[in-house]
Amino acid sequence: MIAGGCRCGAVRYTIAGDDLPLSYACHCHVCQRWTGSAFSQSVIVAEGTLTVDGPLVVYDQVTEDRVSTQRVCATCHARIYNTNTRRPGCAVVRAGTLDRSEELACVAHIFTAYRQRWVAIPEGVPNWPEAPDFEVFGRVLAGQTALR
């Protein structure tokens, strides 16, 4: 099991599996504003593998093409994960909430057109200036190196 939680400890979760998922960095302005930083780092897991205990505040962020359902700790307001109507069955977990986040491999960068100019994308790491093709992106996050 992979474990994680919020900063105050009120919310804890587990992800079924033994290996840490591969992570990615999103450099869009929405993620920059969400984190108050240069990017957000996340992992995508099957929603059914995620078990959450503790008080969550759940709300929908509605845009013209999707609904992103956000889950944050009701006590400390740390963002834990979200789901999205464009990708049913997937949960986007905030990488920094994982207990072993320092062990994560960041294997892709998206929305790099909006990245802070001091952020250098490592050579050879797949990256997209805007939203990636989800099928190709999914292969990268699954550890399949080919971007064909």
C-alpha atoms as a PDB file:
ATOM      1  CA  MET A   1       0.000   0.000   0.000  1.00  0.00           C
ATOM      2  CA  ILE A   2       1.038   3.548  -0.713  1.00  0.00           C
ATOM      3  CA  ALA A   3      -0.005   6.022   1.980  1.00  0.00           C
ATOM      4  CA  GLY A   4      -0.405   9.763   2.253  1.00  0.00           C
ATOM      5  CA  GLY A   5      -2.358  12.530   3.896  1.00  0.00           C
ATOM      6  CA  CYS A   6      -2.846  16.209   4.540  1.00  0.00           C
ATOM      7  CA  ARG A   7      -0.490  18.444   6.509  1.00  0.00           C
ATOM      8  CA  CYS A   8      -2.484  18.344   9.769  1.00  0.00           C
ATOM      9  CA  GLY A   9      -3.069  14.577   9.718  1.00  0.00           C
ATOM     10  CA  ALA A  10      -6.883  14.720   9.793  1.00  0.00           C
ATOM     11  CA  VAL A  11      -7.104  13.111   6.325  1.00  0.00           C
ATOM     12  CA  ARG A  12      -5.197   9.936   5.499  1.00  0.00           C
ATOM     13  CA  TYR A  13      -5.413   7.844   2.360  1.00  0.00           C
ATOM     14  CA  THR A  14      -4.015   4.712   0.775  1.00  0.00           C
ATOM     15  CA  ILE A  15      -3.513   3.758  -2.842  1.00  0.00           C
ATOM     16  CA  ALA A  16      -3.653   0.034  -3.558  1.00  0.00           C
ATOM     17  CA  GLY A  17      -0.316  -1.158  -4.932  1.00  0.00           C
ATOM     18  CA  ASP A  18       3.288  -1.402  -3.910  1.00  0.00           C
ATOM     19  CA  ASP A  19       5.116   0.834  -6.377  1.00  0.00           C
ATOM     20  CA  LEU A  20       4.926   4.600  -6.307  1.00  0.00           C
ATOM     21  CA  PRO A  21       3.181   5.907  -9.421  1.00  0.00           C
ATOM     22  CA  LEU A  22       5.089   8.096 -11.851  1.00  0.00           C
ATOM     23  CA  SER A  23       4.381  11.795 -11.450  1.00  0.00           C
ATOM     24  CA  TYR A  24       4.144  14.815 -13.717  1.00  0.00           C
ATOM     25  CA  ALA A  25       4.391  18.570 -13.319  1.00  0.00           C
ATOM     26  CA  CYS A  26       1.725  20.936 -14.608  1.00  0.00           C
ATOM     27  CA  HIS A  27       2.858  24.503 -15.271  1.00  0.00           C
ATOM     28  CA  CYS A  28      -0.530  26.043 -16.178  1.00  0.00           C
ATOM     29  CA  HIS A  29      -1.625  29.250 -14.493  1.00  0.00           C
ATOM     30  CA  VAL A  30      -4.470  27.485 -12.682  1.00  0.00           C
ATOM     31  CA  CYS A  31      -2.009  25.085 -11.021  1.00  0.00           C
ATOM     32  CA  GLN A  32       0.366  27.930 -10.228  1.00  0.00           C
ATOM     33  CA  ARG A  33      -2.442  29.754  -8.463  1.00  0.00           C
ATOM     34  CA  TRP A  34      -3.650  26.579  -6.690  1.00  0.00           C
ATOM     35  CA  THR A  35      -0.215  25.875  -5.267  1.00  0.00           C
ATOM     36  CA  GLY A  36       1.126  29.393  -4.930  1.00  0.00           C
ATOM     37  CA  SER A  37       4.224  28.015  -6.637  1.00  0.00           C
ATOM     38  CA  ALA A  38       5.730  27.458 -10.069  1.00  0.00           C
ATOM     39  CA  PHE A  39       3.820  24.232 -10.829  1.00  0.00           C
ATOM     40  CA  SER A  40       1.844  21.404  -9.293  1.00  0.00           C
ATOM     41  CA  GLN A  41       3.145  17.855  -9.144  1.00  0.00           C
ATOM     42  CA  SER A  42       0.586  15.073  -9.335  1.00  0.00           C
ATOM     43  CA  VAL A  43       0.088  11.374  -9.871  1.00  0.00           C
ATOM     44  CA  ILE A  44      -2.868   9.814 -11.646  1.00  0.00           C
ATOM     45  CA  VAL A  45      -4.304   6.617 -10.191  1.00  0.00           C
ATOM     46  CA  ALA A  46      -7.432   4.581 -10.806  1.00  0.00           C
ATOM     47  CA  GLU A  47     -10.070   6.117  -8.556  1.00  0.00           C
ATOM     48  CA  GLY A  48     -11.038   2.662  -7.288  1.00  0.00           C
ATOM     49  CA  THR A  49      -7.536   2.133  -5.851  1.00  0.00           C
ATOM     50  CA  LEU A  50      -7.827   5.196  -3.587  1.00  0.00           C
ATOM     51  CA  THR A  51      -9.275   4.889  -0.076  1.00  0.00           C
ATOM     52  CA  VAL A  52      -9.640   8.106   1.928  1.00  0.00           C
ATOM     53  CA  ASP A  53     -10.400   8.517   5.636  1.00  0.00           C
ATOM     54  CA  GLY A  54     -11.047  11.841   7.322  1.00  0.00           C
ATOM     55  CA  PRO A  55     -13.046  15.022   6.867  1.00  0.00           C
ATOM     56  CA  LEU A  56     -13.064  16.263   3.279  1.00  0.00           C
ATOM     57  CA  VAL A  57     -14.639  19.335   1.754  1.00  0.00           C
ATOM     58  CA  VAL A  58     -15.832  18.475  -1.737  1.00  0.00           C
ATOM     59  CA  TYR A  59     -16.725  21.045  -4.355  1.00  0.00           C
ATOM     60  CA  ASP A  60     -17.007  21.291  -8.105  1.00  0.00           C
ATOM     61  CA  GLN A  61     -14.975  23.629 -10.241  1.00  0.00           C
ATOM     62  CA  VAL A  62     -17.028  24.044 -13.427  1.00  0.00           C
ATOM     63  CA  THR A  63     -15.500  25.224 -16.694  1.00  0.00           C
ATOM     64  CA  GLU A  64     -16.923  25.286 -20.200  1.00  0.00           C
ATOM     65  CA  ASP A  65     -15.727  21.756 -21.026  1.00  0.00           C
ATOM     66  CA  ARG A  66     -15.564  19.837 -17.721  1.00  0.00           C
ATOM     67  CA  VAL A  67     -16.320  19.563 -14.035  1.00  0.00           C
ATOM     68  CA  SER A  68     -13.335  19.066 -11.749  1.00  0.00           C
ATOM     69  CA  THR A  69     -14.432  17.763  -8.359  1.00  0.00           C
ATOM     70  CA  GLN A  70     -11.907  18.878  -5.757  1.00  0.00           C
ATOM     71  CA  ARG A  71     -11.288  17.218  -2.384  1.00  0.00           C
ATOM     72  CA  VAL A  72      -9.512  19.185   0.335  1.00  0.00           C
ATOM     73  CA  CYS A  73      -8.993  18.521   4.032  1.00  0.00           C
ATOM     74  CA  ALA A  74     -11.841  20.128   5.986  1.00  0.00           C
ATOM     75  CA  THR A  75      -9.411  21.069   8.762  1.00  0.00           C
ATOM     76  CA  CYS A  76      -6.223  22.389   7.132  1.00  0.00           C
ATOM     77  CA  HIS A  77      -7.584  22.840   3.567  1.00  0.00           C
ATOM     78  CA  ALA A  78      -4.712  20.925   1.974  1.00  0.00           C
ATOM     79  CA  ARG A  79      -5.715  19.805  -1.505  1.00  0.00           C
ATOM     80  CA  ILE A  80      -5.696  15.993  -1.598  1.00  0.00           C
ATOM     81  CA  TYR A  81      -7.062  14.968  -5.014  1.00  0.00           C
ATOM     82  CA  ASN A  82      -9.576  15.681  -7.723  1.00  0.00           C
ATOM     83  CA  THR A  83     -11.560  13.858 -10.366  1.00  0.00           C
ATOM     84  CA  ASN A  84     -12.575  15.196 -13.740  1.00  0.00           C
ATOM     85  CA  THR A  85     -15.553  14.491 -16.011  1.00  0.00           C
ATOM     86  CA  ARG A  86     -13.220  14.281 -19.035  1.00  0.00           C
ATOM     87  CA  ARG A  87     -11.369  11.319 -17.483  1.00  0.00           C
ATOM     88  CA  PRO A  88     -13.865   9.209 -15.553  1.00  0.00           C
ATOM     89  CA  GLY A  89     -12.366   6.667 -13.179  1.00  0.00           C
ATOM     90  CA  CYS A  90      -9.108   8.581 -12.698  1.00  0.00           C
ATOM     91  CA  ALA A  91      -8.040  10.401  -9.528  1.00  0.00           C
ATOM     92  CA  VAL A  92      -5.377  13.115  -9.685  1.00  0.00           C
ATOM     93  CA  VAL A  93      -3.545  12.950  -6.346  1.00  0.00           C
ATOM     94  CA  ARG A  94      -1.316  15.838  -5.238  1.00  0.00           C
ATOM     95  CA  ALA A  95       2.175  14.361  -5.123  1.00  0.00           C
ATOM     96  CA  GLY A  96       3.249  16.327  -2.059  1.00  0.00           C
ATOM     97  CA  THR A  97       0.599  14.572   0.032  1.00  0.00           C
ATOM     98  CA  LEU A  98       2.269  11.169  -0.454  1.00  0.00           C
ATOM     99  CA  ASP A  99       4.268  10.005   2.557  1.00  0.00           C
ATOM    100  CA  ARG A 100       7.227   9.130   0.316  1.00  0.00           C
ATOM    101  CA  SER A 101       6.942  12.058  -2.109  1.00  0.00           C
ATOM    102  CA  GLU A 102      10.711  12.577  -2.165  1.00  0.00           C
ATOM    103  CA  GLU A 103      11.013   9.215  -3.924  1.00  0.00           C
ATOM    104  CA  LEU A 104       8.747  10.138  -6.851  1.00  0.00           C
ATOM    105  CA  ALA A 105      10.035  10.275 -10.405  1.00  0.00           C
ATOM    106  CA  CYS A 106       8.712  13.251 -12.388  1.00  0.00           C
ATOM    107  CA  VAL A 107       8.497  11.843 -15.915  1.00  0.00           C
ATOM    108  CA  ALA A 108       6.611  14.566 -17.816  1.00  0.00           C
ATOM    109  CA  HIS A 109       5.816  18.279 -17.856  1.00  0.00           C
ATOM    110  CA  ILE A 110       2.624  19.790 -19.293  1.00  0.00           C
ATOM    111  CA  PHE A 111       1.549  23.350 -20.119  1.00  0.00           C
ATOM    112  CA  THR A 112       5.208  24.362 -20.336  1.00  0.00           C
ATOM    113  CA  ALA A 113       4.290  27.435 -22.392  1.00  0.00           C
ATOM    114  CA  TYR A 114       3.274  28.962 -19.036  1.00  0.00           C
ATOM    115  CA  ARG A 115       6.216  27.760 -16.963  1.00  0.00           C
ATOM    116  CA  GLN A 116       8.263  30.171 -14.940  1.00  0.00           C
ATOM    117  CA  ARG A 117      11.300  30.911 -17.108  1.00  0.00           C
ATOM    118  CA  TRP A 118      13.729  29.852 -14.366  1.00  0.00           C
ATOM    119  CA  VAL A 119      12.281  26.315 -14.421  1.00  0.00           C
ATOM    120  CA  ALA A 120      14.472  24.138 -16.639  1.00  0.00           C
ATOM    121  CA  ILE A 121      12.835  21.028 -18.079  1.00  0.00           C
ATOM    122  CA  PRO A 122      15.415  18.211 -17.968  1.00  0.00           C
ATOM    123  CA  GLU A 123      16.639  17.081 -21.371  1.00  0.00           C
ATOM    124  CA  GLY A 124      14.892  13.980 -22.609  1.00  0.00           C
ATOM    125  CA  VAL A 125      11.846  14.360 -20.322  1.00  0.00           C
ATOM    126  CA  PRO A 126       8.626  14.461 -22.376  1.00  0.00           C
ATOM    127  CA  ASN A 127       6.916  17.831 -22.257  1.00  0.00           C
ATOM    128  CA  TRP A 128       4.075  19.631 -23.966  1.00  0.00           C
ATOM    129  CA  PRO A 129       3.522  23.403 -24.311  1.00  0.00           C
ATOM    130  CA  GLU A 130      -0.233  22.894 -23.762  1.00  0.00           C
ATOM    131  CA  ALA A 131      -2.453  19.925 -22.863  1.00  0.00           C
ATOM    132  CA  PRO A 132      -1.003  16.619 -24.054  1.00  0.00           C
ATOM    133  CA  ASP A 133      -2.824  13.958 -26.009  1.00  0.00           C
ATOM    134  CA  PHE A 134      -4.166  11.894 -23.103  1.00  0.00           C
ATOM    135  CA  GLU A 135      -3.401   8.536 -24.739  1.00  0.00           C
ATOM    136  CA  VAL A 136       0.260   9.428 -25.271  1.00  0.00           C
ATOM    137  CA  PHE A 137       0.476  11.089 -21.861  1.00  0.00           C
ATOM    138  CA  GLY A 138      -1.032   7.975 -20.278  1.00  0.00           C
ATOM    139  CA  ARG A 139       1.655   5.807 -21.872  1.00  0.00           C
ATOM    140  CA  VAL A 140       4.363   8.049 -20.429  1.00  0.00           C
ATOM    141  CA  LEU A 141       2.791   7.881 -16.965  1.00  0.00           C
ATOM    142  CA  ALA A 142       2.504   4.099 -17.302  1.00  0.00           C
ATOM    143  CA  GLY A 143       6.272   3.914 -17.776  1.00  0.00           C
ATOM    144  CA  GLN A 144       6.177   3.170 -21.481  1.00  0.00           C
ATOM    145  CA  THR A 145       8.963   5.282 -22.895  1.00  0.00           C
ATOM    146  CA  ALA A 146       7.839   5.440 -26.524  1.00  0.00           C
ATOM    147  CA  LEU A 147       6.015   8.636 -27.491  1.00  0.00           C
ATOM    148  CA  ARG A 148       5.022   7.315 -30.913  1.00  0.00           C
END
